[in-house]
Protein backbone atom coordinates (compact mmCIF):
# COMPACT_ATOMS: atom_id res chain seq x y z
CA MET A 1 133.81 143.72 149.15
CA GLY A 2 135.18 142.92 145.67
CA PHE A 3 135.33 139.32 146.40
CA ASP A 4 131.72 139.39 147.84
CA PHE A 5 130.55 141.21 144.76
CA TYR A 6 132.13 138.64 142.52
CA THR A 7 130.70 135.93 144.53
CA ARG A 8 127.21 137.43 144.31
CA ARG A 9 127.55 137.83 140.50
CA MET A 10 128.70 134.16 140.13
CA ARG A 11 125.72 133.07 142.28
CA ARG A 12 123.28 135.12 140.09
CA ALA A 13 124.85 133.74 136.85
CA ALA A 14 124.59 130.17 138.14
CA PHE A 15 121.05 130.88 139.16
CA HIS A 16 120.12 132.23 135.76
CA LEU A 17 121.85 129.37 134.07
CA VAL A 18 119.97 126.72 136.09
CA SER A 19 116.75 128.60 135.48
CA MET A 20 117.33 128.71 131.75
CA TRP A 21 117.97 125.04 131.87
CA PHE A 22 114.80 124.26 133.52
CA ILE A 23 112.81 126.50 131.17
CA LEU A 24 114.43 124.74 128.16
CA PHE A 25 113.58 121.26 129.79
CA PHE A 26 110.04 122.07 130.44
CA VAL A 27 109.41 123.58 126.93
CA ARG A 28 110.86 120.27 125.64
CA LEU A 29 108.69 118.30 128.06
CA ASN A 30 105.64 120.30 127.03
CA CYS A 31 105.64 118.47 123.60
CA LYS A 32 105.44 115.25 125.57
CA THR A 33 103.06 116.19 128.44
CA HIS A 34 100.95 119.11 127.15
CA LYS A 35 100.78 120.11 130.86
CA ASN A 36 98.61 117.07 131.58
CA PRO A 37 99.33 113.42 132.68
CA ARG A 38 100.11 111.34 129.52
CA PRO A 39 96.76 110.08 128.25
CA ASN A 40 95.60 106.57 127.68
CA ILE A 41 94.64 105.70 123.99
CA VAL A 42 92.19 103.15 122.95
CA VAL A 43 91.81 102.34 119.17
CA ILE A 44 88.87 100.17 117.90
CA LEU A 45 89.66 98.84 114.45
CA ILE A 46 86.53 97.27 112.98
CA ASP A 47 86.88 94.99 110.02
CA ASP A 48 85.09 95.99 106.76
CA LEU A 49 82.92 98.70 108.27
CA ASP A 50 81.50 100.97 105.62
CA TYR A 51 80.54 104.66 106.16
CA VAL A 52 78.48 105.62 103.17
CA LEU A 53 75.98 102.78 103.47
CA ALA A 54 75.08 103.65 107.00
CA GLY A 55 77.50 101.17 108.75
CA LEU A 56 77.46 103.15 111.97
CA GLU A 57 73.77 103.16 112.45
CA PRO A 58 73.71 99.97 114.71
CA MET A 59 76.42 101.51 117.00
CA ALA A 60 74.15 103.67 119.26
CA ILE A 61 76.26 103.48 122.40
CA THR A 62 79.32 104.68 120.39
CA ARG A 63 77.46 107.35 118.54
CA ARG A 64 76.07 108.69 121.67
CA LEU A 65 79.51 108.76 123.41
CA VAL A 66 81.01 110.77 120.43
CA SER A 67 78.07 113.08 120.34
CA GLN A 68 78.71 113.95 124.03
CA HIS A 69 82.45 114.02 124.10
CA GLY A 70 83.89 113.97 120.76
CA ALA A 71 83.90 114.63 117.03
CA THR A 72 83.25 112.68 113.71
CA PHE A 73 85.28 113.09 110.58
CA THR A 74 82.87 112.89 107.65
CA ASN A 75 85.62 112.89 105.02
CA ALA A 76 87.76 110.04 106.19
CA PHE A 77 89.23 107.66 103.75
CA ILE A 78 91.58 104.75 103.48
CA SER A 79 94.82 104.62 101.28
CA THR A 80 94.05 101.11 99.90
CA PRO A 81 90.70 99.32 100.04
CA VAL A 82 91.84 95.76 101.33
CA CYS A 83 92.71 94.42 104.74
CA CYS A 84 96.40 93.60 104.99
CA PRO A 85 97.87 96.53 103.11
CA SER A 86 95.36 98.94 104.71
CA ARG A 87 96.21 97.55 108.29
CA SER A 88 99.84 97.95 107.52
CA SER A 89 99.31 101.68 106.60
CA ILE A 90 97.24 102.26 109.82
CA LEU A 91 100.05 100.68 111.85
CA THR A 92 102.97 102.29 110.17
CA GLY A 93 101.51 105.72 108.95
CA LYS A 94 102.75 104.93 105.40
CA TYR A 95 101.43 104.51 101.96
CA VAL A 96 101.49 101.08 100.25
CA HIS A 97 104.45 102.20 98.04
CA ASN A 98 106.38 102.73 101.06
CA HIS A 99 105.56 99.86 103.44
CA ARG A 100 105.41 97.42 100.40
CA VAL A 101 102.51 95.30 101.67
CA ILE A 102 100.62 94.95 98.42
CA ASN A 103 97.87 92.33 99.04
CA ASN A 104 96.67 89.66 101.50
CA THR A 105 99.24 87.04 100.60
CA VAL A 106 102.70 86.23 102.02
CA THR A 107 104.13 86.92 98.55
CA GLY A 108 102.47 90.13 98.69
CA ASN A 109 104.34 90.89 101.98
CA CYS A 110 101.46 90.30 104.38
CA SER A 111 103.00 89.42 107.70
CA SER A 112 106.05 88.17 105.71
CA PRO A 113 109.60 87.85 106.96
CA GLN A 114 110.38 91.07 105.05
CA TRP A 115 107.58 92.86 106.89
CA GLN A 116 108.74 91.35 110.41
CA ASN A 117 112.30 92.54 109.80
CA GLY A 118 111.37 95.90 108.48
CA GLU A 119 108.20 97.94 108.91
CA GLU A 120 106.94 95.82 111.96
CA LEU A 121 109.77 97.39 113.93
CA LYS A 122 108.41 100.76 113.39
CA THR A 123 104.75 100.84 114.27
CA MET A 124 102.93 103.12 116.51
CA ALA A 125 102.98 100.44 119.28
CA THR A 126 106.89 100.14 119.23
CA TYR A 127 107.30 103.95 119.61
CA LEU A 128 104.55 104.04 122.41
CA GLN A 129 105.96 101.08 124.29
CA SER A 130 109.65 102.47 124.21
CA ASN A 131 108.24 105.64 125.71
CA GLY A 132 106.78 103.98 128.73
CA TYR A 133 103.26 103.04 127.57
CA ALA A 134 101.74 99.68 128.56
CA THR A 135 100.57 98.29 125.25
CA PHE A 136 97.81 95.75 124.21
CA TYR A 137 96.74 94.34 120.89
CA GLY A 138 93.62 92.02 120.61
CA GLY A 139 92.11 90.54 117.55
CA LYS A 140 92.71 90.34 113.74
CA TYR A 141 96.16 91.68 112.91
CA LEU A 142 97.30 90.95 109.40
CA ASN A 143 95.69 88.12 107.27
CA GLN A 144 98.65 85.93 107.08
CA TYR A 145 99.67 86.31 110.84
CA GLY A 146 100.24 83.07 112.83
CA LYS A 147 100.64 80.85 109.62
CA ASN A 148 103.57 78.40 109.56
CA GLU A 149 105.34 80.26 106.76
CA THR A 150 105.11 83.60 108.79
CA GLY A 151 106.57 82.37 111.98
CA GLY A 152 103.45 80.69 113.65
CA VAL A 153 101.82 81.69 116.76
CA GLU A 154 105.22 82.04 118.50
CA HIS A 155 106.04 85.20 116.56
CA VAL A 156 104.81 88.20 118.65
CA PRO A 157 105.08 91.52 116.87
CA PRO A 158 107.26 93.94 118.76
CA GLY A 159 105.74 96.82 120.71
CA TYR A 160 103.15 94.94 122.77
CA ASN A 161 103.13 93.97 126.46
CA ARG A 162 100.05 91.90 126.02
CA TRP A 163 99.35 90.16 122.63
CA VAL A 164 96.13 88.32 121.79
CA GLY A 165 96.55 88.01 118.11
CA LEU A 166 94.10 86.09 115.74
CA VAL A 167 95.60 83.52 113.54
CA GLY A 168 94.58 84.28 109.92
CA ASN A 169 91.42 86.15 108.83
CA SER A 170 88.39 87.17 110.73
CA ARG A 171 86.24 84.39 112.33
CA TYR A 172 83.77 84.48 115.10
CA TYR A 173 84.02 80.81 116.28
CA ASN A 174 86.46 77.79 115.72
CA TYR A 175 89.79 79.96 115.49
CA THR A 176 93.19 80.02 117.13
CA LEU A 177 94.71 82.81 118.99
CA SER A 178 98.39 83.60 119.84
CA VAL A 179 98.35 84.67 123.35
CA ASP A 180 101.83 86.14 124.22
CA GLY A 181 103.08 83.51 121.73
CA LYS A 182 101.21 80.42 123.02
CA ARG A 183 98.48 78.80 121.03
CA GLN A 184 94.87 78.96 122.28
CA ASP A 185 92.26 77.11 120.35
CA HIS A 186 88.55 78.14 120.51
CA GLY A 187 85.39 76.18 119.56
CA ASP A 188 81.81 77.19 119.08
CA ASP A 189 80.43 77.86 122.56
CA TYR A 190 79.10 81.45 122.54
CA HIS A 191 79.78 82.03 126.26
CA LEU A 192 83.46 80.95 125.85
CA ASP A 193 84.35 81.49 122.32
CA TYR A 194 82.57 84.31 120.54
CA LEU A 195 85.56 86.29 119.41
CA THR A 196 84.29 89.92 119.86
CA ASP A 197 83.37 88.99 123.44
CA VAL A 198 86.60 87.25 124.11
CA LEU A 199 88.57 90.31 122.92
CA ALA A 200 86.31 92.46 125.06
CA ARG A 201 87.18 90.55 128.17
CA GLU A 202 90.86 90.47 127.24
CA ALA A 203 90.95 94.21 126.84
CA LEU A 204 89.12 94.83 130.10
CA SER A 205 91.50 92.45 131.90
CA PHE A 206 94.44 94.32 130.53
CA ILE A 207 93.12 97.79 131.52
CA ASP A 208 92.08 96.52 134.94
CA GLY A 209 95.59 95.14 135.46
CA VAL A 210 97.35 98.45 134.41
CA VAL A 211 95.22 100.95 136.15
CA PRO A 212 95.09 100.73 139.95
CA ASN A 213 91.88 100.63 141.83
CA ARG A 214 91.40 104.21 142.98
CA HIS A 215 88.12 106.15 143.69
CA PRO A 216 87.38 108.67 140.85
CA SER A 217 87.49 111.41 143.36
CA SER A 218 91.20 110.83 143.97
CA LEU A 219 93.14 113.64 142.51
CA SER A 220 96.14 111.37 141.95
CA ALA A 221 94.41 108.53 140.18
CA ALA A 222 95.20 109.70 136.73
CA ALA A 223 98.72 110.94 137.53
CA ASP A 224 99.99 107.84 139.31
CA SER A 225 99.12 105.13 136.83
CA ARG A 226 101.15 104.07 133.85
CA PRO A 227 99.47 105.28 130.61
CA PHE A 228 98.25 102.49 128.13
CA PHE A 229 97.55 101.95 124.63
CA ALA A 230 95.04 99.36 123.62
CA MET A 231 94.18 98.36 120.10
CA ILE A 232 91.19 96.13 119.72
CA ALA A 233 90.38 94.53 116.28
CA PRO A 234 87.13 92.58 116.27
CA PRO A 235 85.99 90.39 113.52
CA ALA A 236 82.89 92.30 112.85
CA CYS A 237 81.53 93.07 110.42
CA HIS A 238 83.63 90.78 108.20
CA ALA A 239 82.44 87.55 106.73
CA PRO A 240 81.28 85.05 107.81
CA PHE A 241 78.82 87.66 109.41
CA THR A 242 77.98 85.57 112.43
CA PRO A 243 76.09 87.65 115.15
CA ALA A 244 75.83 86.88 118.78
CA PRO A 245 72.67 84.76 119.45
CA GLN A 246 70.83 87.56 121.28
CA PHE A 247 71.24 89.77 118.27
CA SER A 248 70.30 87.12 115.63
CA ARG A 249 66.84 88.63 114.88
CA SER A 250 67.63 92.43 115.13
CA PHE A 251 67.03 94.71 112.16
CA ALA A 252 64.39 92.47 110.58
CA GLY A 253 63.25 93.76 107.36
CA ARG A 254 66.21 96.23 106.73
CA ARG A 255 67.63 96.22 103.27
CA ALA A 256 70.90 97.40 101.74
CA PRO A 257 70.47 101.00 100.51
CA ARG A 258 69.10 101.31 96.97
CA TRP A 259 71.46 103.88 95.42
CA PRO A 260 71.09 104.80 91.77
CA SER A 261 74.09 102.44 91.27
CA PHE A 262 72.50 99.60 93.06
CA ASN A 263 72.09 96.43 90.84
CA ARG A 264 73.09 98.55 87.87
CA HIS A 265 75.31 96.69 85.40
CA PRO A 266 77.75 99.20 84.05
CA GLY A 267 78.54 99.89 80.43
CA ASN A 268 81.85 100.17 78.69
CA ASP A 269 82.88 103.23 80.79
CA LYS A 270 83.86 101.02 83.76
CA HIS A 271 86.94 98.94 84.00
CA TRP A 272 87.23 95.34 82.99
CA LEU A 273 86.35 93.76 86.34
CA LEU A 274 82.96 95.38 86.54
CA ARG A 275 82.15 94.63 82.87
CA GLN A 276 83.12 90.80 83.07
CA ALA A 277 80.41 88.11 82.79
CA PRO A 278 77.87 87.31 83.82
CA GLN A 279 76.25 90.37 82.24
CA GLY A 280 73.09 92.13 83.46
CA ALA A 281 71.52 92.87 86.78
CA LEU A 282 71.74 90.45 89.72
CA PRO A 283 68.62 88.04 90.11
CA LYS A 284 66.27 88.49 93.02
CA ASP A 285 67.68 85.52 94.93
CA ILE A 286 71.20 87.02 94.99
CA ILE A 287 69.75 90.56 95.95
CA ASP A 288 67.98 88.80 98.89
CA GLN A 289 71.36 87.39 99.97
CA VAL A 290 72.88 90.94 99.72
CA ASP A 291 70.06 92.15 101.98
CA HIS A 292 70.63 89.35 104.37
CA VAL A 293 74.39 90.05 104.64
CA PHE A 294 73.43 93.70 105.21
CA ARG A 295 71.35 92.75 108.31
CA GLN A 296 73.96 90.26 109.53
CA ARG A 297 76.71 92.86 109.37
CA TRP A 298 74.69 95.19 111.44
CA ARG A 299 74.01 92.37 113.99
CA THR A 300 77.73 91.63 114.44
CA LEU A 301 78.25 95.37 115.23
CA LEU A 302 75.96 95.26 118.22
CA SER A 303 78.58 93.17 120.11
CA VAL A 304 81.26 95.75 119.11
CA ASP A 305 79.07 98.57 120.47
CA GLN A 306 78.51 96.70 123.62
CA MET A 307 82.16 96.21 123.92
CA VAL A 308 82.80 100.03 123.59
CA GLY A 309 80.18 100.53 126.29
CA ASP A 310 81.91 98.02 128.69
CA ILE A 311 85.32 99.71 128.16
CA VAL A 312 83.81 103.16 128.91
CA LYS A 313 82.18 101.80 132.04
CA LEU A 314 85.48 100.40 133.22
CA LEU A 315 87.44 103.60 132.58
CA ARG A 316 84.84 105.56 134.37
CA ARG A 317 84.86 103.33 137.41
CA LYS A 318 88.78 103.45 137.45
CA GLY A 319 88.64 107.28 137.19
CA GLN A 320 90.46 107.14 133.72
CA LEU A 321 87.68 108.07 131.29
CA ASP A 322 88.63 111.74 131.43
CA ARG A 323 92.25 110.78 130.71
CA THR A 324 91.52 108.60 127.77
CA TRP A 325 91.28 109.12 124.00
CA ILE A 326 89.05 106.73 122.17
CA VAL A 327 89.31 106.20 118.29
CA VAL A 328 86.83 104.21 116.35
CA THR A 329 87.45 103.43 112.68
CA SER A 330 87.76 100.66 110.00
CA ASP A 331 90.32 99.29 107.73
CA HIS A 332 88.22 100.04 104.74
CA GLY A 333 84.66 100.32 103.47
CA TYR A 334 82.40 97.95 101.72
CA HIS A 335 79.99 97.68 98.66
CA MET A 336 76.84 96.03 98.68
CA GLY A 337 75.19 95.62 95.15
CA GLN A 338 76.61 98.74 93.57
CA PHE A 339 77.20 98.26 89.93
CA ALA A 340 75.78 94.79 90.32
CA MET A 341 78.84 93.64 92.32
CA PRO A 342 77.28 91.69 95.18
CA ILE A 343 79.58 92.18 98.37
CA ASP A 344 83.21 92.95 98.87
CA LYS A 345 85.72 95.69 98.80
CA ARG A 346 88.73 96.32 96.52
CA LEU A 347 87.20 98.90 94.27
CA PRO A 348 88.12 102.66 94.14
CA TYR A 349 84.52 104.04 94.65
CA GLU A 350 83.16 105.80 97.64
CA THR A 351 81.48 102.80 99.22
CA ASP A 352 84.98 101.01 99.58
CA ILE A 353 87.29 103.93 100.36
CA ARG A 354 85.41 106.02 102.78
CA VAL A 355 85.44 104.87 106.39
CA PRO A 356 84.04 105.96 109.84
CA LEU A 357 86.53 107.96 111.97
CA LEU A 358 85.15 108.84 115.53
CA VAL A 359 87.18 110.42 118.17
CA VAL A 360 86.24 110.72 121.87
CA ALA A 361 88.36 113.30 123.54
CA ALA A 362 90.36 113.14 126.74
CA SER A 363 88.61 115.54 129.34
CA HIS A 364 90.92 118.53 128.89
CA ASN A 365 90.12 118.57 125.20
CA ARG A 366 86.39 117.98 125.66
CA PRO A 367 83.72 120.75 125.42
CA THR A 368 81.74 121.36 128.51
CA ALA A 369 78.07 120.32 128.48
CA ASN A 370 77.00 123.90 127.95
CA ASN A 371 79.32 124.40 125.09
CA LYS A 372 78.37 120.98 123.40
CA SER A 373 75.08 121.73 122.02
CA ARG A 374 75.23 119.51 118.83
CA ASP A 375 77.06 116.80 117.18
CA ILE A 376 80.44 118.03 115.97
CA GLU A 377 81.56 117.03 112.51
CA ILE A 378 84.80 117.91 110.83
CA ASP A 379 83.56 117.81 107.16
CA SER A 380 85.71 120.25 105.16
CA LEU A 381 89.05 118.40 105.10
CA SER A 382 90.12 114.96 103.81
CA VAL A 383 91.81 112.77 106.26
CA VAL A 384 93.41 109.36 105.46
CA SER A 385 94.20 106.19 107.25
CA ILE A 386 97.94 106.94 107.16
CA ASP A 387 97.11 109.82 109.54
CA LEU A 388 96.11 107.47 112.42
CA ALA A 389 99.63 106.51 113.53
CA PRO A 390 100.85 110.09 113.68
CA THR A 391 97.71 111.12 115.57
CA VAL A 392 98.20 108.38 118.27
CA LEU A 393 101.88 109.49 118.73
CA HIS A 394 100.69 113.09 118.98
CA MET A 395 98.01 112.15 121.56
CA ALA A 396 100.83 110.60 123.60
CA GLY A 397 102.88 113.87 123.16
CA LEU A 398 105.57 112.00 121.05
CA PRO A 399 107.23 113.50 117.99
CA ILE A 400 106.23 111.97 114.64
CA PRO A 401 108.98 110.12 112.72
CA ASP A 402 110.05 111.76 109.53
CA ASP A 403 109.31 108.57 107.47
CA MET A 404 105.71 108.43 108.24
CA ASP A 405 103.70 109.76 105.38
CA GLY A 406 100.62 110.89 107.37
CA VAL A 407 100.11 113.89 109.71
CA SER A 408 98.51 114.23 112.98
CA LEU A 409 94.83 115.03 113.17
CA LEU A 410 94.93 116.08 116.78
CA PRO A 411 95.01 119.78 116.00
CA LEU A 412 91.90 119.36 113.91
CA VAL A 413 89.99 117.57 116.76
CA THR A 414 91.02 120.10 119.45
CA ASN A 415 90.19 122.90 117.29
CA ALA A 416 86.69 121.40 116.44
CA LEU A 417 86.07 120.94 120.14
CA THR A 418 86.94 124.49 120.91
CA PRO A 419 83.54 126.41 121.47
CA SER A 420 84.57 129.40 119.37
CA SER A 421 85.47 127.16 116.49
CA GLN A 422 82.40 124.80 116.31
CA ASN A 423 80.67 126.91 113.73
CA ARG A 424 83.45 127.35 111.16
CA ASN A 425 85.33 124.94 109.01
CA VAL A 426 89.19 125.00 108.95
CA SER A 427 91.38 124.53 106.04
CA LYS A 428 94.77 125.96 107.27
CA VAL A 429 97.02 123.92 109.50
CA SER A 430 98.19 127.24 111.14
CA GLN A 431 94.67 127.68 112.49
CA VAL A 432 94.54 124.45 114.41
CA ALA A 433 97.53 124.08 116.53
CA GLU A 434 99.49 125.74 119.40
CA PRO A 435 103.00 126.83 118.45
CA TRP A 436 104.76 123.77 120.02
CA ASP A 437 102.45 121.50 118.04
CA ARG A 438 104.37 122.05 114.82
CA HIS A 439 107.18 119.71 115.94
CA CYS A 440 104.92 117.17 117.60
CA ARG A 441 102.61 116.74 114.58
CA GLY A 442 105.43 116.66 112.16
CA ILE A 443 104.60 119.86 110.17
CA ASP A 444 107.15 122.71 110.33
CA ASP A 445 105.47 125.20 108.02
CA SER A 446 102.76 126.80 109.96
CA SER A 447 101.22 128.29 106.81
CA GLU A 448 100.96 124.94 105.01
CA PRO A 449 97.34 124.50 103.69
CA TRP A 450 95.66 121.19 104.49
CA ARG A 451 95.96 118.49 101.88
CA THR A 452 93.82 118.63 98.83
CA PHE A 453 95.08 115.35 97.23
CA PHE A 454 95.85 111.82 98.49
CA LEU A 455 96.74 108.62 96.86
CA ILE A 456 94.74 105.33 96.64
CA GLU A 457 96.75 102.30 95.60
CA TYR A 458 95.56 98.88 94.93
CA HIS A 459 97.23 95.71 93.58
CA GLY A 460 94.76 93.18 92.22
CA GLU A 461 95.06 89.37 92.78
CA ALA A 462 94.27 86.28 90.86
CA ASP A 463 93.91 82.82 92.39
CA LEU A 464 91.85 80.01 90.90
CA GLN A 465 91.63 78.32 94.33
CA ASP A 466 89.04 80.89 95.25
CA VAL A 467 86.98 80.44 92.04
CA ASP A 468 84.04 78.01 92.59
CA LEU A 469 84.00 75.23 90.01
CA GLN A 470 80.55 76.20 88.74
CA CYS A 471 82.01 79.58 87.65
CA GLN A 472 84.14 80.36 84.61
CA GLN A 473 87.71 79.40 85.31
CA ASP A 474 89.61 82.51 84.26
CA ALA A 475 93.24 82.52 85.60
CA ASN A 476 93.06 86.29 85.87
CA THR A 477 90.37 86.30 88.55
CA THR A 478 89.71 85.35 92.01
CA LEU A 479 86.75 85.41 94.61
CA CYS A 480 84.27 84.12 92.19
CA LEU A 481 81.53 82.54 94.26
CA ASN A 482 78.52 80.53 92.76
CA ASP A 483 76.26 81.75 95.73
CA PHE A 484 76.76 85.34 94.40
CA GLY A 485 76.22 84.63 90.63
CA CYS A 486 79.94 84.00 89.94
CA LYS A 487 80.60 87.65 89.95
CA CYS A 488 84.26 87.84 90.54
CA GLN A 489 85.45 90.34 93.20
CA ASP A 490 88.92 90.71 92.11
CA ALA A 491 91.29 90.19 89.10
CA ALA A 492 95.02 90.76 88.47
CA ASN A 493 94.25 93.63 86.18
CA ASN A 494 92.10 95.25 88.94
CA THR A 495 95.36 97.08 89.90
CA TYR A 496 95.13 100.86 89.92
CA VAL A 497 96.36 104.11 91.40
CA CYS A 498 93.95 106.98 92.05
CA LEU A 499 94.11 110.49 93.05
CA ARG A 500 91.30 111.55 95.24
CA THR A 501 90.82 115.32 95.38
CA LEU A 502 88.89 117.39 98.01
CA ARG A 503 89.13 121.16 98.06
CA PRO A 504 86.97 122.61 100.65
CA THR A 505 84.80 125.79 100.63
CA GLY A 506 87.11 128.81 101.19
CA ASN A 507 90.16 127.46 99.39
CA GLN A 508 91.72 129.95 96.96
CA HIS A 509 91.20 127.45 94.18
CA ALA A 510 87.77 126.48 92.82
CA ASN A 511 86.08 123.86 94.88
CA GLU A 512 86.65 120.27 93.76
CA ASP A 513 85.39 116.81 94.88
CA SER A 514 86.75 114.32 92.36
CA LEU A 515 88.33 110.90 91.73
CA TYR A 516 90.87 110.20 88.98
CA CYS A 517 92.16 106.47 88.53
CA GLN A 518 94.58 104.85 86.18
CA PHE A 519 94.42 101.04 85.79
CA ASP A 520 97.40 98.92 85.19
CA ASP A 521 95.64 96.81 82.33
CA LEU A 522 96.03 96.21 78.68
CA GLN A 523 93.66 99.11 77.96
CA ALA A 524 95.48 101.55 80.36
CA PHE A 525 91.89 102.30 81.43
CA VAL A 526 91.12 105.60 83.12
CA GLU A 527 88.11 106.46 85.24
CA SER A 528 87.41 110.07 86.30
CA TYR A 529 84.33 111.36 88.30
CA ASP A 530 83.16 114.81 89.60
CA LEU A 531 81.48 113.85 92.87
CA ARG A 532 79.81 117.19 93.16
CA LEU A 533 77.63 116.54 90.13
CA ASP A 534 77.87 112.82 90.16
CA PRO A 535 78.04 111.47 93.83
CA TYR A 536 77.09 107.93 92.69
CA GLN A 537 79.99 107.79 90.16
CA LEU A 538 77.73 106.66 87.32
CA ASN A 539 79.43 108.83 84.48
CA ASN A 540 83.01 108.28 83.71
CA ARG A 541 84.35 111.65 82.34
CA ALA A 542 87.27 109.98 80.88
CA TYR A 543 85.30 107.73 78.56
CA ARG A 544 84.69 108.59 74.82
CA ARG A 545 82.02 106.90 73.07
CA SER A 546 83.40 107.81 69.75
CA CYS A 547 86.33 105.34 70.31
CA ARG A 548 85.00 103.24 73.09
CA CYS A 549 88.19 104.08 75.00
CA THR A 550 89.23 106.38 77.86
CA VAL A 551 91.55 109.42 77.53
CA ALA A 552 94.08 110.27 80.38
CA SER A 553 94.58 113.62 81.87
CA ARG A 554 98.29 114.51 81.50
CA HIS A 555 98.18 116.86 84.42
CA ARG A 556 96.54 114.21 86.78
CA ARG A 557 98.89 111.53 85.53
CA GLN A 558 101.80 113.62 86.48
CA LEU A 559 100.30 114.27 90.02
CA ILE A 560 99.89 110.48 90.40
CA VAL A 561 103.62 110.15 89.42
CA ASN A 562 104.64 112.62 92.00
CA TYR A 563 102.55 111.15 94.68
CA SER A 564 103.70 107.59 93.84
CA LYS A 565 107.22 108.53 94.73
CA CYS A 566 106.57 110.53 97.90
CA ARG A 567 108.29 109.53 101.14
CA GLY A 568 107.64 111.14 104.55
CA HIS A 569 105.00 113.54 105.62
CA VAL A 570 106.99 116.52 104.29
CA ASN A 571 106.73 115.16 100.68
CA CYS A 572 103.47 113.24 100.91
CA PHE A 573 101.48 116.01 102.53
CA GLY A 574 103.11 118.74 100.60
CA VAL A 575 102.46 117.34 97.02
CA SER A 576 100.70 120.17 95.06
CA ASP A 577 99.25 120.94 91.66
CA ASN A 578 100.75 124.34 91.76
CA PRO A 579 104.31 124.15 90.07
CA LYS A 580 105.54 127.07 92.00
CA ARG A 581 105.04 125.30 95.32
CA ARG A 582 105.39 121.68 94.37
CA ARG A 583 107.76 119.58 96.53
CA HIS A 584 109.68 116.88 94.70
CA PRO A 585 110.58 113.68 96.42
């Protein structure tokens, strides 16, 4: 009897031990699976798409999809307003001062050997692929990609099972692709070569090859197929603004928005680049060109919108739409005539730093038709491009690497799509996540308030090769085009660090919506705006007419110093203006 009793106790102890092991295993697994098959993730990265100048208006299919099944972030920003550095931030989840891609040149680390041997090894795609995802990239990658000095078309960035990378900058015709490391040249036949459509076909082919043909009613359709990640980066709506022929007459008569800042040449309270010659407002012929570019940009977006619709149709036919997250965003915004600057980016103003961010949720996160009575906007919190990589990893159920500066936005989305939460704004991270999400999203302190500050960094360029001969030959400048009145769009002293502040309603501090910038020029110029009172950024609060100079804020300057040293989401998310709770890098 004693032996039987001992045996039963041993069996019972072994049973409890095995049970505890299974419990721990599934708790750990929960961070990865969230009790559902691992989702597919599609990211559409549009080039130069603005938010504040109505850039999303042409994309009716996309907006309708988000209205029915997702949410829009109305306070989405980039951390740097130019292509290669911004795309590097999107891919890595890091600020410019951490990934060190400072401009669009090889010497500025754009797709350089240093990038390839460092940060390119740690993008969201590498983490997804190493955890079983089938991965695809199609379109513009980094501005210097595929050039001889950066490895040529043979270089395929790690992390992608299928690679269709554009060599160089955005084009619509007469370009070269690297298709899994092999050169593919294209001409100017719309049916064969229009790049947005080529990328759409490539993405559809990839999805079709990864996902088995199953009827949507099959219960095992979602669970049986390998999850995929597809990032599609079309040329729209970047220069040369070439629409598909069927859209070439759309939006006739539409003009660029006439803000109070439109075609207003600034005074002495703006930094040197805006004050530089030629002085005065832009003439009518250049304004007409700005309006033409505005329409052309919209026309190119119609092909992107069509691509989104085609991807959704395929996912629905494959029974995968309910399993798929779709994210639509841009690498930065765009200005069109503001402060008499014709067209471009690279400035710290709202036109250039705000971007669209639309999220279509997988089915288990979607509101039902009865609960989704209106468009859902997440408008009380600032989110930044460095948050995209952590968000994608969180969608896949993967932990966020400690060296990523951004945080996951997934709790904000799922909270916003919860019916009980659709009529209230959220400013506390602890209000937007289930307990196990703290590890997955990379935030350990459940009482941590959402960020009120973030950093904008930009390193100006100078290159006389991009200055038309009819324009003044100033070695400090670049992108001075005779067609646009020789207004230079960049200069070496257009180098700045800004602190963008957004304190939402309900925060314990007074509400604040502001921008504070320090320029690295001979004047140590400062620009400061209260966007609650001055949404068009007409009046620089740091400017003093008495001395025709600007005065820095010691407090804001110290905050910029703190932020410019931050590394990883713990430091970069937790930088505070409260000395008692400030985290030092």
